[in-house]
Amino acid sequence: QVQLVESGGGLVQPGGSLRLSCAASGSIFSRNAMGWYRQAPGKQRELVARITSGGTTFYIDSVKGRFTISRDNAKNTLYLQMTSLQPEDTAVYYCNLTPVRPDYWGQGTQVTVSS
């Protein structure tokens, strides 16, 4: 059974930074591409960034240059460093495989960007 546990969210002012973490249990982490997803109120969940098992990264246009995805396979942990946060980044952030496994969704971590 795989569990993904997100942490690191919080309330931050525009222009601020946060670092999200996703701890993965089970043996699937190191050999799978992983992604960070977010769901804002009233919107569909969307992929924000992904990273392959070899470290190749992809970002959606709205976060390029501001967010950095990384992984530590030895610790089974996925990270998302977020800088220059804007109100439109407010959402619940989740991690999952890419493509997603619906049964792996965790609780997510709330990120609120507000002055």
C-alpha atoms as a PDB file:
ATOM      1  CA  GLN A   1       0.000   0.000   0.000  1.00  0.00           C
ATOM      2  CA  VAL A   2       1.411   3.353  -1.055  1.00  0.00           C
ATOM      3  CA  GLN A   3       0.865   6.449   1.031  1.00  0.00           C
ATOM      4  CA  LEU A   4       1.744   9.984   0.006  1.00  0.00           C
ATOM      5  CA  VAL A   5       1.839  12.608   2.747  1.00  0.00           C
ATOM      6  CA  GLU A   6       2.172  16.252   1.829  1.00  0.00           C
ATOM      7  CA  SER A   7       3.395  18.963   4.192  1.00  0.00           C
ATOM      8  CA  GLY A   8       4.845  22.450   4.245  1.00  0.00           C
ATOM      9  CA  GLY A   9       1.874  24.563   3.246  1.00  0.00           C
ATOM     10  CA  GLY A  10       0.738  27.682   5.012  1.00  0.00           C
ATOM     11  CA  LEU A  11      -0.228  31.315   4.750  1.00  0.00           C
ATOM     12  CA  VAL A  12       2.269  33.557   2.998  1.00  0.00           C
ATOM     13  CA  GLN A  13       2.240  37.095   1.674  1.00  0.00           C
ATOM     14  CA  PRO A  14       2.532  37.798  -2.066  1.00  0.00           C
ATOM     15  CA  GLY A  15       6.155  37.524  -3.086  1.00  0.00           C
ATOM     16  CA  GLY A  16       6.889  35.025  -0.343  1.00  0.00           C
ATOM     17  CA  SER A  17       8.243  31.490  -0.498  1.00  0.00           C
ATOM     18  CA  LEU A  18       7.313  28.038   0.722  1.00  0.00           C
ATOM     19  CA  ARG A  19       8.827  24.590   0.394  1.00  0.00           C
ATOM     20  CA  LEU A  20       6.456  21.658   0.120  1.00  0.00           C
ATOM     21  CA  SER A  21       7.431  18.081   0.887  1.00  0.00           C
ATOM     22  CA  CYS A  22       5.831  14.793  -0.073  1.00  0.00           C
ATOM     23  CA  ALA A  23       6.862  11.699   1.847  1.00  0.00           C
ATOM     24  CA  ALA A  24       6.169   8.446   0.052  1.00  0.00           C
ATOM     25  CA  SER A  25       5.889   5.041   1.635  1.00  0.00           C
ATOM     26  CA  GLY A  26       6.169   1.883  -0.368  1.00  0.00           C
ATOM     27  CA  SER A  27       8.715   0.847  -2.953  1.00  0.00           C
ATOM     28  CA  ILE A  28       7.453   2.703  -6.007  1.00  0.00           C
ATOM     29  CA  PHE A  29       8.959   6.123  -5.489  1.00  0.00           C
ATOM     30  CA  SER A  30      12.428   5.887  -6.976  1.00  0.00           C
ATOM     31  CA  ARG A  31      11.414   4.276 -10.272  1.00  0.00           C
ATOM     32  CA  ASN A  32       8.411   6.468 -11.088  1.00  0.00           C
ATOM     33  CA  ALA A  33       7.886   9.962 -12.402  1.00  0.00           C
ATOM     34  CA  MET A  34       6.270  12.116  -9.737  1.00  0.00           C
ATOM     35  CA  GLY A  35       4.259  15.292  -9.905  1.00  0.00           C
ATOM     36  CA  TRP A  36       2.888  18.143  -7.865  1.00  0.00           C
ATOM     37  CA  TYR A  37      -0.725  19.012  -8.518  1.00  0.00           C
ATOM     38  CA  ARG A  38      -2.975  21.728  -7.151  1.00  0.00           C
ATOM     39  CA  GLN A  39      -6.665  22.417  -6.875  1.00  0.00           C
ATOM     40  CA  ALA A  40      -7.942  25.919  -6.334  1.00  0.00           C
ATOM     41  CA  PRO A  41     -11.478  26.572  -5.067  1.00  0.00           C
ATOM     42  CA  GLY A  42     -14.007  25.958  -7.831  1.00  0.00           C
ATOM     43  CA  LYS A  43     -11.379  24.691 -10.249  1.00  0.00           C
ATOM     44  CA  GLN A  44     -10.199  21.328 -11.477  1.00  0.00           C
ATOM     45  CA  ARG A  45      -7.033  19.781 -10.138  1.00  0.00           C
ATOM     46  CA  GLU A  46      -4.086  20.551 -12.395  1.00  0.00           C
ATOM     47  CA  LEU A  47      -0.534  19.357 -12.823  1.00  0.00           C
ATOM     48  CA  VAL A  48       1.941  22.014 -11.689  1.00  0.00           C
ATOM     49  CA  ALA A  49       5.275  20.275 -12.177  1.00  0.00           C
ATOM     50  CA  ARG A  50       6.644  16.807 -12.698  1.00  0.00           C
ATOM     51  CA  ILE A  51       9.992  15.097 -12.462  1.00  0.00           C
ATOM     52  CA  THR A  52      11.076  11.808 -13.989  1.00  0.00           C
ATOM     53  CA  SER A  53      12.981   9.140 -12.115  1.00  0.00           C
ATOM     54  CA  GLY A  54      16.102  10.464 -13.838  1.00  0.00           C
ATOM     55  CA  GLY A  55      15.484  14.071 -12.838  1.00  0.00           C
ATOM     56  CA  THR A  56      14.040  15.608 -16.003  1.00  0.00           C
ATOM     57  CA  THR A  57      11.575  18.316 -15.053  1.00  0.00           C
ATOM     58  CA  PHE A  58       8.510  19.952 -16.555  1.00  0.00           C
ATOM     59  CA  TYR A  59       6.558  23.003 -15.373  1.00  0.00           C
ATOM     60  CA  ILE A  60       3.370  24.654 -16.463  1.00  0.00           C
ATOM     61  CA  ASP A  61       3.932  28.112 -17.880  1.00  0.00           C
ATOM     62  CA  SER A  62       2.451  30.000 -14.949  1.00  0.00           C
ATOM     63  CA  VAL A  63       5.072  28.670 -12.499  1.00  0.00           C
ATOM     64  CA  LYS A  64       8.168  28.516 -14.713  1.00  0.00           C
ATOM     65  CA  GLY A  65      11.025  30.387 -13.124  1.00  0.00           C
ATOM     66  CA  ARG A  66       9.265  30.512  -9.753  1.00  0.00           C
ATOM     67  CA  PHE A  67       8.812  26.875  -8.718  1.00  0.00           C
ATOM     68  CA  THR A  68      11.421  24.133  -8.571  1.00  0.00           C
ATOM     69  CA  ILE A  69      10.574  20.450  -8.266  1.00  0.00           C
ATOM     70  CA  SER A  70      13.155  18.033  -6.915  1.00  0.00           C
ATOM     71  CA  ARG A  71      13.357  14.577  -5.422  1.00  0.00           C
ATOM     72  CA  ASP A  72      15.499  12.644  -2.985  1.00  0.00           C
ATOM     73  CA  ASN A  73      15.159   8.983  -3.897  1.00  0.00           C
ATOM     74  CA  ALA A  74      17.141   7.871  -0.858  1.00  0.00           C
ATOM     75  CA  LYS A  75      14.547   9.543   1.380  1.00  0.00           C
ATOM     76  CA  ASN A  76      11.522   8.732  -0.811  1.00  0.00           C
ATOM     77  CA  THR A  77      10.673  12.418  -0.715  1.00  0.00           C
ATOM     78  CA  LEU A  78       9.476  14.863  -3.347  1.00  0.00           C
ATOM     79  CA  TYR A  79       9.876  18.625  -2.940  1.00  0.00           C
ATOM     80  CA  LEU A  80       8.428  21.775  -4.445  1.00  0.00           C
ATOM     81  CA  GLN A  81      10.273  25.004  -3.760  1.00  0.00           C
ATOM     82  CA  MET A  82       7.922  27.893  -4.474  1.00  0.00           C
ATOM     83  CA  THR A  83       9.104  31.479  -4.712  1.00  0.00           C
ATOM     84  CA  SER A  84       7.499  34.768  -5.762  1.00  0.00           C
ATOM     85  CA  LEU A  85       4.149  33.367  -4.727  1.00  0.00           C
ATOM     86  CA  GLN A  86       1.055  35.121  -6.008  1.00  0.00           C
ATOM     87  CA  PRO A  87      -2.595  35.004  -4.889  1.00  0.00           C
ATOM     88  CA  GLU A  88      -3.413  32.845  -7.914  1.00  0.00           C
ATOM     89  CA  ASP A  89      -1.126  30.156  -6.473  1.00  0.00           C
ATOM     90  CA  THR A  90      -3.602  29.674  -3.621  1.00  0.00           C
ATOM     91  CA  ALA A  91      -4.745  26.052  -3.695  1.00  0.00           C
ATOM     92  CA  VAL A  92      -4.468  22.693  -2.032  1.00  0.00           C
ATOM     93  CA  TYR A  93      -1.286  21.071  -3.285  1.00  0.00           C
ATOM     94  CA  TYR A  94      -0.976  17.318  -3.780  1.00  0.00           C
ATOM     95  CA  CYS A  95       1.672  14.915  -4.959  1.00  0.00           C
ATOM     96  CA  ASN A  96       1.099  11.790  -7.008  1.00  0.00           C
ATOM     97  CA  LEU A  97       2.675   9.729  -9.703  1.00  0.00           C
ATOM     98  CA  THR A  98       2.521  10.880 -13.308  1.00  0.00           C
ATOM     99  CA  PRO A  99       0.270   9.628 -14.775  1.00  0.00           C
ATOM    100  CA  VAL A 100      -1.722   9.808 -11.568  1.00  0.00           C
ATOM    101  CA  ARG A 101      -2.908   6.843  -9.584  1.00  0.00           C
ATOM    102  CA  PRO A 102      -6.336   7.892  -8.259  1.00  0.00           C
ATOM    103  CA  ASP A 103      -5.979   5.613  -5.264  1.00  0.00           C
ATOM    104  CA  TYR A 104      -2.788   7.381  -4.165  1.00  0.00           C
ATOM    105  CA  TRP A 105      -4.203  10.855  -3.501  1.00  0.00           C
ATOM    106  CA  GLY A 106      -3.367  12.107  -0.030  1.00  0.00           C
ATOM    107  CA  GLN A 107      -4.859  14.907   2.025  1.00  0.00           C
ATOM    108  CA  GLY A 108      -2.824  17.601   0.370  1.00  0.00           C
ATOM    109  CA  THR A 109      -1.397  20.728   1.945  1.00  0.00           C
ATOM    110  CA  GLN A 110      -3.079  24.139   1.810  1.00  0.00           C
ATOM    111  CA  VAL A 111      -1.161  27.056   0.364  1.00  0.00           C
ATOM    112  CA  THR A 112      -2.748  30.467   0.835  1.00  0.00           C
ATOM    113  CA  VAL A 113      -1.163  33.569  -0.638  1.00  0.00           C
ATOM    114  CA  SER A 114      -2.707  36.701   0.770  1.00  0.00           C
ATOM    115  CA  SER A 115      -1.759  40.033   2.248  1.00  0.00           C
END
